[in-house]
Amino acid sequence: MAKSRKTASRKPAVRASRPAAPRASAFTADGAILRRIADALERLAPISGGGVNFEEADAFVWQQNGRKLIPVPRVNRVEMTLLKGIDQVRDILVENTERFAKGLPANNALLWGARGMGKSSLVKAVHAGTNAALGKQAGLLKLIEIHREDVESLPDLMTLLRGAPYRFIVFCDDLSFDSDDTSYKSLKAVLEGGIEGRPDNVILYATSNRRHLLSRDMIENERSTAINPGEAVEEKVSLSDRFGLWLGFHRCSQDEFLAMVEGYVAHFKIPIDAETLRREALEWATTRGSRSGRVAWQYVQDVAGRLGVSLSAR
């Protein structure tokens, strides 16, 4: 009996338990958290221009993620002589840019109006032309492009450029704002009104299809929903007022359109007779439903391709 009781009371051996291996999802979650922390610390880090080599290029693109300038070795531009039908606004912008390059007072500029009429092309051509004309006398201008979606980081870019031994054209192409977009306030503070203001060595050029940078239905919506409609609209429309120069681009006439085409054809030495060129160019514009510098260039690309002519820089 004693032996049977001893057998019955024997307990099974307990194995030492091992810690459970972490699941893959835990690693994934931790990695995502660490990435968010790293991104937040990067955004909070002070902006410094010490790492930028401005001698590396004449043009840069501002990259909001990372708060850095990416050099552009070769700018996609056309020569000033190929921009037709915009003589008046061209001369105004050239004069304003040359004054700025010499260290004299100059205005921020808003180039607005019909699409495809050479607004952004003019900014890039004026930058190159000013450097060619005044580079040795006034020092080279640097062109910095900021994308529309990065406008809210403009104050950081201004901090980087302030005090640099160069003069800068900060260029934003196709600038406009939607009804729920508040990033225009950063632009307003940089243009005028901020406690620091725009640095003396920086000027802003922007292009837009809208004169007031806002859509008409956005302005009407502000009027209909605000307690004081006038003040609500004034808050947003006042943004365009802070550009000292308003340069309007309007749809070109048939003669101006043909002059654009003929200028490209002569520049690239495309072998086509005048009558065929005129007929094809007008037909091309008709099928596109518009006449503009962009449409003229698209036709020239087509005819050059058909005739086996390269459009590389000459």
C-alpha atoms as a PDB file:
ATOM      1  CA  MET A   1       0.000   0.000   0.000  1.00  0.00           C
ATOM      2  CA  ALA A   2       2.779   2.398   0.879  1.00  0.00           C
ATOM      3  CA  LYS A   3       4.383   1.741  -2.482  1.00  0.00           C
ATOM      4  CA  SER A   4       1.147   2.444  -4.382  1.00  0.00           C
ATOM      5  CA  ARG A   5       0.576   5.720  -2.539  1.00  0.00           C
ATOM      6  CA  LYS A   6       4.094   6.872  -3.394  1.00  0.00           C
ATOM      7  CA  THR A   7       3.474   6.097  -7.050  1.00  0.00           C
ATOM      8  CA  ALA A   8       0.172   7.911  -7.105  1.00  0.00           C
ATOM      9  CA  SER A   9       1.602  11.091  -5.556  1.00  0.00           C
ATOM     10  CA  ARG A  10       4.419  11.419  -8.111  1.00  0.00           C
ATOM     11  CA  LYS A  11       3.992  14.659 -10.142  1.00  0.00           C
ATOM     12  CA  PRO A  12       4.966  14.924 -13.773  1.00  0.00           C
ATOM     13  CA  ALA A  13       8.161  16.856 -14.513  1.00  0.00           C
ATOM     14  CA  VAL A  14       7.608  20.463 -15.516  1.00  0.00           C
ATOM     15  CA  ARG A  15       9.537  21.629 -18.577  1.00  0.00           C
ATOM     16  CA  ALA A  16      11.141  25.071 -18.511  1.00  0.00           C
ATOM     17  CA  SER A  17       9.070  27.353 -20.715  1.00  0.00           C
ATOM     18  CA  ARG A  18      10.749  29.377 -23.468  1.00  0.00           C
ATOM     19  CA  PRO A  19       9.727  32.961 -24.209  1.00  0.00           C
ATOM     20  CA  ALA A  20       7.475  33.175 -27.252  1.00  0.00           C
ATOM     21  CA  ALA A  21       9.140  34.496 -30.358  1.00  0.00           C
ATOM     22  CA  PRO A  22       7.890  37.950 -31.277  1.00  0.00           C
ATOM     23  CA  ARG A  23       5.535  37.972 -34.194  1.00  0.00           C
ATOM     24  CA  ALA A  24       6.561  39.548 -37.496  1.00  0.00           C
ATOM     25  CA  SER A  25       3.800  42.116 -37.119  1.00  0.00           C
ATOM     26  CA  ALA A  26       5.459  43.392 -33.933  1.00  0.00           C
ATOM     27  CA  PHE A  27       8.664  44.127 -35.839  1.00  0.00           C
ATOM     28  CA  THR A  28       6.673  45.860 -38.566  1.00  0.00           C
ATOM     29  CA  ALA A  29       4.815  48.047 -36.073  1.00  0.00           C
ATOM     30  CA  ASP A  30       8.015  48.961 -34.238  1.00  0.00           C
ATOM     31  CA  GLY A  31       9.714  49.850 -37.513  1.00  0.00           C
ATOM     32  CA  ALA A  32       6.841  52.102 -38.546  1.00  0.00           C
ATOM     33  CA  ILE A  33       6.959  53.880 -35.180  1.00  0.00           C
ATOM     34  CA  LEU A  34      10.715  54.406 -35.471  1.00  0.00           C
ATOM     35  CA  ARG A  35      10.326  55.801 -38.973  1.00  0.00           C
ATOM     36  CA  ARG A  36       7.683  58.257 -37.783  1.00  0.00           C
ATOM     37  CA  ILE A  37       9.928  59.353 -34.929  1.00  0.00           C
ATOM     38  CA  ALA A  38      12.868  59.825 -37.309  1.00  0.00           C
ATOM     39  CA  ASP A  39      10.722  61.866 -39.724  1.00  0.00           C
ATOM     40  CA  ALA A  40       9.485  64.066 -36.871  1.00  0.00           C
ATOM     41  CA  LEU A  41      13.025  64.685 -35.619  1.00  0.00           C
ATOM     42  CA  GLU A  42      14.156  65.548 -39.143  1.00  0.00           C
ATOM     43  CA  ARG A  43      11.368  68.087 -39.473  1.00  0.00           C
ATOM     44  CA  LEU A  44      12.298  69.636 -36.131  1.00  0.00           C
ATOM     45  CA  ALA A  45      15.993  69.828 -36.931  1.00  0.00           C
ATOM     46  CA  PRO A  46      17.270  73.355 -37.602  1.00  0.00           C
ATOM     47  CA  ILE A  47      17.694  74.286 -41.262  1.00  0.00           C
ATOM     48  CA  SER A  48      21.265  75.048 -42.222  1.00  0.00           C
ATOM     49  CA  GLY A  49      22.713  76.065 -45.565  1.00  0.00           C
ATOM     50  CA  GLY A  50      26.187  74.942 -44.614  1.00  0.00           C
ATOM     51  CA  GLY A  51      25.902  71.731 -46.617  1.00  0.00           C
ATOM     52  CA  VAL A  52      24.740  73.378 -49.852  1.00  0.00           C
ATOM     53  CA  ASN A  53      27.345  73.948 -52.545  1.00  0.00           C
ATOM     54  CA  PHE A  54      25.772  76.759 -54.547  1.00  0.00           C
ATOM     55  CA  GLU A  55      28.673  76.735 -56.990  1.00  0.00           C
ATOM     56  CA  GLU A  56      27.656  73.255 -58.092  1.00  0.00           C
ATOM     57  CA  ALA A  57      24.899  74.539 -60.400  1.00  0.00           C
ATOM     58  CA  ASP A  58      22.964  77.638 -61.425  1.00  0.00           C
ATOM     59  CA  ALA A  59      19.606  75.992 -60.692  1.00  0.00           C
ATOM     60  CA  PHE A  60      18.232  73.846 -57.888  1.00  0.00           C
ATOM     61  CA  VAL A  61      14.991  72.125 -56.918  1.00  0.00           C
ATOM     62  CA  TRP A  62      13.800  72.461 -53.323  1.00  0.00           C
ATOM     63  CA  GLN A  63      12.901  69.125 -51.780  1.00  0.00           C
ATOM     64  CA  GLN A  64      10.617  69.476 -48.783  1.00  0.00           C
ATOM     65  CA  ASN A  65      11.318  65.954 -47.496  1.00  0.00           C
ATOM     66  CA  GLY A  66      14.810  66.329 -46.145  1.00  0.00           C
ATOM     67  CA  ARG A  67      14.749  70.116 -46.455  1.00  0.00           C
ATOM     68  CA  LYS A  68      17.479  70.200 -49.089  1.00  0.00           C
ATOM     69  CA  LEU A  69      18.332  71.644 -52.486  1.00  0.00           C
ATOM     70  CA  ILE A  70      18.928  69.276 -55.402  1.00  0.00           C
ATOM     71  CA  PRO A  71      21.233  70.699 -58.105  1.00  0.00           C
ATOM     72  CA  VAL A  72      19.968  70.735 -61.702  1.00  0.00           C
ATOM     73  CA  PRO A  73      22.944  70.374 -64.077  1.00  0.00           C
ATOM     74  CA  ARG A  74      20.954  71.304 -67.194  1.00  0.00           C
ATOM     75  CA  VAL A  75      17.808  73.428 -67.105  1.00  0.00           C
ATOM     76  CA  ASN A  76      15.049  72.622 -69.595  1.00  0.00           C
ATOM     77  CA  ARG A  77      14.662  76.013 -71.266  1.00  0.00           C
ATOM     78  CA  VAL A  78      14.192  77.696 -74.632  1.00  0.00           C
ATOM     79  CA  GLU A  79      16.055  80.735 -75.909  1.00  0.00           C
ATOM     80  CA  MET A  80      14.540  84.152 -75.349  1.00  0.00           C
ATOM     81  CA  THR A  81      14.442  84.883 -79.090  1.00  0.00           C
ATOM     82  CA  LEU A  82      12.059  81.947 -79.641  1.00  0.00           C
ATOM     83  CA  LEU A  83       9.377  83.381 -77.334  1.00  0.00           C
ATOM     84  CA  LYS A  84       7.029  85.293 -79.618  1.00  0.00           C
ATOM     85  CA  GLY A  85       3.989  87.463 -78.939  1.00  0.00           C
ATOM     86  CA  ILE A  86       4.979  88.378 -75.370  1.00  0.00           C
ATOM     87  CA  ASP A  87       7.362  91.265 -76.042  1.00  0.00           C
ATOM     88  CA  GLN A  88       5.897  93.694 -73.512  1.00  0.00           C
ATOM     89  CA  VAL A  89       5.803  91.344 -70.524  1.00  0.00           C
ATOM     90  CA  ARG A  90       9.210  89.972 -71.533  1.00  0.00           C
ATOM     91  CA  ASP A  91      10.802  93.422 -71.389  1.00  0.00           C
ATOM     92  CA  ILE A  92       9.197  94.205 -68.011  1.00  0.00           C
ATOM     93  CA  LEU A  93      10.403  90.961 -66.450  1.00  0.00           C
ATOM     94  CA  VAL A  94      13.906  91.333 -67.904  1.00  0.00           C
ATOM     95  CA  GLU A  95      14.219  94.854 -66.484  1.00  0.00           C
ATOM     96  CA  ASN A  96      12.919  93.768 -63.075  1.00  0.00           C
ATOM     97  CA  THR A  97      15.317  90.806 -62.958  1.00  0.00           C
ATOM     98  CA  GLU A  98      18.336  92.856 -63.991  1.00  0.00           C
ATOM     99  CA  ARG A  99      17.600  95.414 -61.258  1.00  0.00           C
ATOM    100  CA  PHE A 100      17.424  92.600 -58.726  1.00  0.00           C
ATOM    101  CA  ALA A 101      20.709  91.103 -59.982  1.00  0.00           C
ATOM    102  CA  LYS A 102      22.403  94.478 -59.493  1.00  0.00           C
ATOM    103  CA  GLY A 103      21.170  94.681 -55.906  1.00  0.00           C
ATOM    104  CA  LEU A 104      18.559  97.358 -56.653  1.00  0.00           C
ATOM    105  CA  PRO A 105      14.907  97.249 -55.475  1.00  0.00           C
ATOM    106  CA  ALA A 106      12.741  94.855 -57.501  1.00  0.00           C
ATOM    107  CA  ASN A 107       9.278  93.313 -57.202  1.00  0.00           C
ATOM    108  CA  ASN A 108       7.990  89.784 -56.848  1.00  0.00           C
ATOM    109  CA  ALA A 109       6.209  88.829 -60.071  1.00  0.00           C
ATOM    110  CA  LEU A 110       3.048  86.868 -60.846  1.00  0.00           C
ATOM    111  CA  LEU A 111       2.809  85.685 -64.451  1.00  0.00           C
ATOM    112  CA  TRP A 112      -0.812  84.761 -65.064  1.00  0.00           C
ATOM    113  CA  GLY A 113      -3.094  84.036 -67.992  1.00  0.00           C
ATOM    114  CA  ALA A 114      -3.696  81.673 -70.886  1.00  0.00           C
ATOM    115  CA  ARG A 115      -2.098  78.264 -70.677  1.00  0.00           C
ATOM    116  CA  GLY A 116       0.779  77.382 -72.960  1.00  0.00           C
ATOM    117  CA  MET A 117       1.779  80.979 -73.683  1.00  0.00           C
ATOM    118  CA  GLY A 118       5.298  80.742 -72.296  1.00  0.00           C
ATOM    119  CA  LYS A 119       4.973  81.888 -68.679  1.00  0.00           C
ATOM    120  CA  SER A 120       7.373  79.366 -67.159  1.00  0.00           C
ATOM    121  CA  SER A 121       9.566  79.407 -70.275  1.00  0.00           C
ATOM    122  CA  LEU A 122       9.978  83.150 -69.892  1.00  0.00           C
ATOM    123  CA  VAL A 123      11.109  82.876 -66.263  1.00  0.00           C
ATOM    124  CA  LYS A 124      13.783  80.319 -67.163  1.00  0.00           C
ATOM    125  CA  ALA A 125      14.881  82.291 -70.225  1.00  0.00           C
ATOM    126  CA  VAL A 126      15.132  85.545 -68.243  1.00  0.00           C
ATOM    127  CA  HIS A 127      17.267  83.793 -65.626  1.00  0.00           C
ATOM    128  CA  ALA A 128      19.688  82.542 -68.276  1.00  0.00           C
ATOM    129  CA  GLY A 129      19.683  85.856 -70.161  1.00  0.00           C
ATOM    130  CA  THR A 130      20.395  87.903 -67.042  1.00  0.00           C
ATOM    131  CA  ASN A 131      23.301  85.670 -66.094  1.00  0.00           C
ATOM    132  CA  ALA A 132      24.709  85.934 -69.613  1.00  0.00           C
ATOM    133  CA  ALA A 133      24.393  89.734 -69.633  1.00  0.00           C
ATOM    134  CA  LEU A 134      25.326  90.617 -66.048  1.00  0.00           C
ATOM    135  CA  GLY A 135      26.987  87.546 -64.580  1.00  0.00           C
ATOM    136  CA  LYS A 136      30.469  89.032 -64.425  1.00  0.00           C
ATOM    137  CA  GLN A 137      29.240  92.407 -63.155  1.00  0.00           C
ATOM    138  CA  ALA A 138      26.626  91.411 -60.586  1.00  0.00           C
ATOM    139  CA  GLY A 139      27.391  87.782 -59.793  1.00  0.00           C
ATOM    140  CA  LEU A 140      25.387  84.796 -60.972  1.00  0.00           C
ATOM    141  CA  LEU A 141      21.711  84.483 -60.130  1.00  0.00           C
ATOM    142  CA  LYS A 142      20.557  81.111 -58.841  1.00  0.00           C
ATOM    143  CA  LEU A 143      17.162  79.746 -59.893  1.00  0.00           C
ATOM    144  CA  ILE A 144      15.365  77.629 -57.297  1.00  0.00           C
ATOM    145  CA  GLU A 145      12.156  75.823 -58.169  1.00  0.00           C
ATOM    146  CA  ILE A 146       9.699  74.993 -55.421  1.00  0.00           C
ATOM    147  CA  HIS A 147       6.789  72.702 -56.201  1.00  0.00           C
ATOM    148  CA  ARG A 148       3.250  73.826 -55.512  1.00  0.00           C
ATOM    149  CA  GLU A 149       2.689  71.167 -52.840  1.00  0.00           C
ATOM    150  CA  ASP A 150       5.825  72.313 -50.957  1.00  0.00           C
ATOM    151  CA  VAL A 151       4.810  75.957 -50.546  1.00  0.00           C
ATOM    152  CA  GLU A 152       4.181  75.505 -46.833  1.00  0.00           C
ATOM    153  CA  SER A 153       7.925  74.871 -46.370  1.00  0.00           C
ATOM    154  CA  LEU A 154       8.857  78.255 -47.898  1.00  0.00           C
ATOM    155  CA  PRO A 155       9.925  79.711 -44.521  1.00  0.00           C
ATOM    156  CA  ASP A 156      12.468  76.898 -44.174  1.00  0.00           C
ATOM    157  CA  LEU A 157      13.817  77.630 -47.652  1.00  0.00           C
ATOM    158  CA  MET A 158      14.088  81.332 -46.820  1.00  0.00           C
ATOM    159  CA  THR A 159      16.079  80.458 -43.697  1.00  0.00           C
ATOM    160  CA  LEU A 160      18.506  78.448 -45.808  1.00  0.00           C
ATOM    161  CA  LEU A 161      18.968  81.207 -48.402  1.00  0.00           C
ATOM    162  CA  ARG A 162      19.144  84.135 -46.012  1.00  0.00           C
ATOM    163  CA  GLY A 163      22.734  85.267 -45.705  1.00  0.00           C
ATOM    164  CA  ALA A 164      24.050  83.126 -48.573  1.00  0.00           C
ATOM    165  CA  PRO A 165      26.494  85.036 -50.831  1.00  0.00           C
ATOM    166  CA  TYR A 166      24.247  84.763 -53.896  1.00  0.00           C
ATOM    167  CA  ARG A 167      20.996  86.206 -55.189  1.00  0.00           C
ATOM    168  CA  PHE A 168      18.099  83.822 -55.792  1.00  0.00           C
ATOM    169  CA  ILE A 169      14.965  83.657 -57.915  1.00  0.00           C
ATOM    170  CA  VAL A 170      12.539  81.308 -56.153  1.00  0.00           C
ATOM    171  CA  PHE A 171      10.178  80.037 -58.829  1.00  0.00           C
ATOM    172  CA  CYS A 172       6.837  78.256 -58.369  1.00  0.00           C
ATOM    173  CA  ASP A 173       5.129  77.018 -61.523  1.00  0.00           C
ATOM    174  CA  ASP A 174       1.351  76.625 -61.845  1.00  0.00           C
ATOM    175  CA  LEU A 175       0.582  78.114 -58.443  1.00  0.00           C
ATOM    176  CA  SER A 176      -3.047  77.959 -57.283  1.00  0.00           C
ATOM    177  CA  PHE A 177      -5.009  77.027 -54.162  1.00  0.00           C
ATOM    178  CA  ASP A 178      -8.121  74.959 -53.490  1.00  0.00           C
ATOM    179  CA  SER A 179     -10.873  75.747 -51.019  1.00  0.00           C
ATOM    180  CA  ASP A 180      -9.483  73.615 -48.176  1.00  0.00           C
ATOM    181  CA  ASP A 181      -5.860  74.646 -48.709  1.00  0.00           C
ATOM    182  CA  THR A 182      -4.307  76.911 -46.072  1.00  0.00           C
ATOM    183  CA  SER A 183      -0.693  76.746 -47.266  1.00  0.00           C
ATOM    184  CA  TYR A 184      -1.190  80.115 -48.993  1.00  0.00           C
ATOM    185  CA  LYS A 185      -0.664  81.702 -45.575  1.00  0.00           C
ATOM    186  CA  SER A 186       2.984  80.627 -45.609  1.00  0.00           C
ATOM    187  CA  LEU A 187       3.410  82.330 -48.972  1.00  0.00           C
ATOM    188  CA  LYS A 188       1.734  85.511 -47.727  1.00  0.00           C
ATOM    189  CA  ALA A 189       4.092  85.687 -44.753  1.00  0.00           C
ATOM    190  CA  VAL A 190       7.132  85.299 -46.994  1.00  0.00           C
ATOM    191  CA  LEU A 191       5.987  87.840 -49.581  1.00  0.00           C
ATOM    192  CA  GLU A 192       5.114  90.500 -47.016  1.00  0.00           C
ATOM    193  CA  GLY A 193       3.896  90.725 -43.493  1.00  0.00           C
ATOM    194  CA  GLY A 194       6.031  88.148 -41.693  1.00  0.00           C
ATOM    195  CA  ILE A 195       8.250  89.288 -38.861  1.00  0.00           C
ATOM    196  CA  GLU A 196      11.369  88.430 -40.890  1.00  0.00           C
ATOM    197  CA  GLY A 197       9.955  89.127 -44.337  1.00  0.00           C
ATOM    198  CA  ARG A 198      11.582  88.166 -47.594  1.00  0.00           C
ATOM    199  CA  PRO A 199      15.394  88.113 -47.517  1.00  0.00           C
ATOM    200  CA  ASP A 200      17.033  90.900 -49.534  1.00  0.00           C
ATOM    201  CA  ASN A 201      18.790  88.343 -51.723  1.00  0.00           C
ATOM    202  CA  VAL A 202      15.585  86.509 -52.708  1.00  0.00           C
ATOM    203  CA  ILE A 203      12.817  87.351 -55.176  1.00  0.00           C
ATOM    204  CA  LEU A 204       9.751  85.231 -55.944  1.00  0.00           C
ATOM    205  CA  TYR A 205       8.354  84.556 -59.419  1.00  0.00           C
ATOM    206  CA  ALA A 206       5.193  82.471 -59.814  1.00  0.00           C
ATOM    207  CA  THR A 207       3.039  81.413 -62.745  1.00  0.00           C
ATOM    208  CA  SER A 208      -0.674  80.670 -62.648  1.00  0.00           C
ATOM    209  CA  ASN A 209      -3.680  80.385 -64.918  1.00  0.00           C
ATOM    210  CA  ARG A 210      -5.633  82.360 -62.295  1.00  0.00           C
ATOM    211  CA  ARG A 211      -5.122  86.053 -61.682  1.00  0.00           C
ATOM    212  CA  HIS A 212      -6.013  85.787 -57.988  1.00  0.00           C
ATOM    213  CA  LEU A 213      -4.574  82.244 -57.588  1.00  0.00           C
ATOM    214  CA  LEU A 214      -8.065  81.044 -56.578  1.00  0.00           C
ATOM    215  CA  SER A 215     -10.835  79.485 -58.639  1.00  0.00           C
ATOM    216  CA  ARG A 216     -13.981  81.538 -59.219  1.00  0.00           C
ATOM    217  CA  ASP A 217     -16.216  79.020 -57.441  1.00  0.00           C
ATOM    218  CA  MET A 218     -13.882  79.128 -54.447  1.00  0.00           C
ATOM    219  CA  ILE A 219     -14.300  82.915 -54.201  1.00  0.00           C
ATOM    220  CA  GLU A 220     -18.077  82.641 -54.589  1.00  0.00           C
ATOM    221  CA  ASN A 221     -18.202  79.956 -51.911  1.00  0.00           C
ATOM    222  CA  GLU A 222     -16.356  82.240 -49.506  1.00  0.00           C
ATOM    223  CA  ARG A 223     -18.895  84.983 -50.170  1.00  0.00           C
ATOM    224  CA  SER A 224     -21.888  82.713 -49.594  1.00  0.00           C
ATOM    225  CA  THR A 225     -20.718  81.013 -46.399  1.00  0.00           C
ATOM    226  CA  ALA A 226     -18.876  83.708 -44.477  1.00  0.00           C
ATOM    227  CA  ILE A 227     -20.416  85.924 -41.788  1.00  0.00           C
ATOM    228  CA  ASN A 228     -18.665  88.849 -43.413  1.00  0.00           C
ATOM    229  CA  PRO A 229     -18.256  87.858 -47.084  1.00  0.00           C
ATOM    230  CA  GLY A 230     -16.062  90.813 -47.973  1.00  0.00           C
ATOM    231  CA  GLU A 231     -13.491  90.044 -45.293  1.00  0.00           C
ATOM    232  CA  ALA A 232     -13.414  86.318 -46.126  1.00  0.00           C
ATOM    233  CA  VAL A 233     -12.675  86.972 -49.794  1.00  0.00           C
ATOM    234  CA  GLU A 234     -10.191  89.725 -48.975  1.00  0.00           C
ATOM    235  CA  GLU A 235      -8.166  87.315 -46.837  1.00  0.00           C
ATOM    236  CA  LYS A 236      -7.435  85.060 -49.829  1.00  0.00           C
ATOM    237  CA  VAL A 237      -7.481  87.512 -52.719  1.00  0.00           C
ATOM    238  CA  SER A 238      -4.930  89.681 -50.886  1.00  0.00           C
ATOM    239  CA  LEU A 239      -2.313  87.024 -51.664  1.00  0.00           C
ATOM    240  CA  SER A 240      -2.005  88.059 -55.304  1.00  0.00           C
ATOM    241  CA  ASP A 241      -1.846  91.713 -54.246  1.00  0.00           C
ATOM    242  CA  ARG A 242       1.499  90.984 -52.625  1.00  0.00           C
ATOM    243  CA  PHE A 243       3.114  90.411 -56.004  1.00  0.00           C
ATOM    244  CA  GLY A 244       4.297  93.822 -57.164  1.00  0.00           C
ATOM    245  CA  LEU A 245       4.203  92.805 -60.833  1.00  0.00           C
ATOM    246  CA  TRP A 246       1.159  91.268 -62.506  1.00  0.00           C
ATOM    247  CA  LEU A 247       2.133  90.189 -66.011  1.00  0.00           C
ATOM    248  CA  GLY A 248      -0.806  89.018 -68.127  1.00  0.00           C
ATOM    249  CA  PHE A 249      -0.489  86.445 -70.913  1.00  0.00           C
ATOM    250  CA  HIS A 250      -3.339  86.336 -73.414  1.00  0.00           C
ATOM    251  CA  ARG A 251      -4.258  84.002 -76.226  1.00  0.00           C
ATOM    252  CA  CYS A 252      -2.221  84.647 -79.342  1.00  0.00           C
ATOM    253  CA  SER A 253      -3.512  85.645 -82.752  1.00  0.00           C
ATOM    254  CA  GLN A 254      -3.085  83.536 -85.866  1.00  0.00           C
ATOM    255  CA  ASP A 255      -0.173  85.685 -87.048  1.00  0.00           C
ATOM    256  CA  GLU A 256       1.573  85.363 -83.673  1.00  0.00           C
ATOM    257  CA  PHE A 257       1.070  81.604 -83.708  1.00  0.00           C
ATOM    258  CA  LEU A 258       2.608  81.313 -87.168  1.00  0.00           C
ATOM    259  CA  ALA A 259       5.504  83.536 -86.074  1.00  0.00           C
ATOM    260  CA  MET A 260       6.195  81.109 -83.219  1.00  0.00           C
ATOM    261  CA  VAL A 261       6.209  78.132 -85.583  1.00  0.00           C
ATOM    262  CA  GLU A 262       8.410  79.903 -88.136  1.00  0.00           C
ATOM    263  CA  GLY A 263      10.854  80.928 -85.399  1.00  0.00           C
ATOM    264  CA  TYR A 264      11.300  77.330 -84.255  1.00  0.00           C
ATOM    265  CA  VAL A 265      11.627  76.045 -87.828  1.00  0.00           C
ATOM    266  CA  ALA A 266      14.299  78.617 -88.679  1.00  0.00           C
ATOM    267  CA  HIS A 267      16.205  77.998 -85.437  1.00  0.00           C
ATOM    268  CA  PHE A 268      16.359  74.233 -85.905  1.00  0.00           C
ATOM    269  CA  LYS A 269      16.818  74.455 -89.694  1.00  0.00           C
ATOM    270  CA  ILE A 270      13.855  72.229 -90.539  1.00  0.00           C
ATOM    271  CA  PRO A 271      13.607  71.839 -94.340  1.00  0.00           C
ATOM    272  CA  ILE A 272       9.962  72.625 -95.145  1.00  0.00           C
ATOM    273  CA  ASP A 273       8.533  75.158 -97.590  1.00  0.00           C
ATOM    274  CA  ALA A 274       6.604  78.133 -96.264  1.00  0.00           C
ATOM    275  CA  GLU A 275       3.245  77.233 -97.807  1.00  0.00           C
ATOM    276  CA  THR A 276       3.258  73.667 -96.461  1.00  0.00           C
ATOM    277  CA  LEU A 277       4.379  74.933 -93.069  1.00  0.00           C
ATOM    278  CA  ARG A 278       1.552  77.466 -92.860  1.00  0.00           C
ATOM    279  CA  ARG A 279      -1.110  74.980 -93.970  1.00  0.00           C
ATOM    280  CA  GLU A 280       0.009  72.215 -91.617  1.00  0.00           C
ATOM    281  CA  ALA A 281       0.499  74.536 -88.643  1.00  0.00           C
ATOM    282  CA  LEU A 282      -2.999  76.015 -88.950  1.00  0.00           C
ATOM    283  CA  GLU A 283      -4.493  72.557 -89.363  1.00  0.00           C
ATOM    284  CA  TRP A 284      -2.623  71.385 -86.260  1.00  0.00           C
ATOM    285  CA  ALA A 285      -3.935  74.329 -84.229  1.00  0.00           C
ATOM    286  CA  THR A 286      -7.472  73.657 -85.440  1.00  0.00           C
ATOM    287  CA  THR A 287      -7.375  70.027 -84.368  1.00  0.00           C
ATOM    288  CA  ARG A 288      -6.067  71.085 -80.946  1.00  0.00           C
ATOM    289  CA  GLY A 289      -8.716  73.775 -80.565  1.00  0.00           C
ATOM    290  CA  SER A 290      -6.235  76.454 -79.512  1.00  0.00           C
ATOM    291  CA  ARG A 291      -3.270  78.538 -80.573  1.00  0.00           C
ATOM    292  CA  SER A 292      -0.391  78.954 -78.125  1.00  0.00           C
ATOM    293  CA  GLY A 293       3.349  78.627 -77.813  1.00  0.00           C
ATOM    294  CA  ARG A 294       2.934  75.102 -76.465  1.00  0.00           C
ATOM    295  CA  VAL A 295       0.808  74.038 -79.438  1.00  0.00           C
ATOM    296  CA  ALA A 296       3.356  75.601 -81.807  1.00  0.00           C
ATOM    297  CA  TRP A 297       6.166  73.631 -80.167  1.00  0.00           C
ATOM    298  CA  GLN A 298       4.165  70.405 -80.335  1.00  0.00           C
ATOM    299  CA  TYR A 299       3.644  70.894 -84.072  1.00  0.00           C
ATOM    300  CA  VAL A 300       7.355  71.607 -84.579  1.00  0.00           C
ATOM    301  CA  GLN A 301       8.236  68.390 -82.753  1.00  0.00           C
ATOM    302  CA  ASP A 302       5.874  66.494 -85.049  1.00  0.00           C
ATOM    303  CA  VAL A 303       7.212  67.931 -88.297  1.00  0.00           C
ATOM    304  CA  ALA A 304      10.836  67.575 -87.168  1.00  0.00           C
ATOM    305  CA  GLY A 305      10.225  63.922 -86.332  1.00  0.00           C
ATOM    306  CA  ARG A 306       8.646  63.261 -89.719  1.00  0.00           C
ATOM    307  CA  LEU A 307      11.561  64.915 -91.532  1.00  0.00           C
ATOM    308  CA  GLY A 308      14.260  63.303 -89.388  1.00  0.00           C
ATOM    309  CA  VAL A 309      15.585  66.522 -87.848  1.00  0.00           C
ATOM    310  CA  SER A 310      17.015  66.524 -84.314  1.00  0.00           C
ATOM    311  CA  LEU A 311      15.823  69.244 -81.946  1.00  0.00           C
ATOM    312  CA  SER A 312      18.840  69.086 -79.672  1.00  0.00           C
ATOM    313  CA  ALA A 313      20.424  72.412 -78.728  1.00  0.00           C
ATOM    314  CA  ARG A 314      22.308  74.046 -81.582  1.00  0.00           C
END
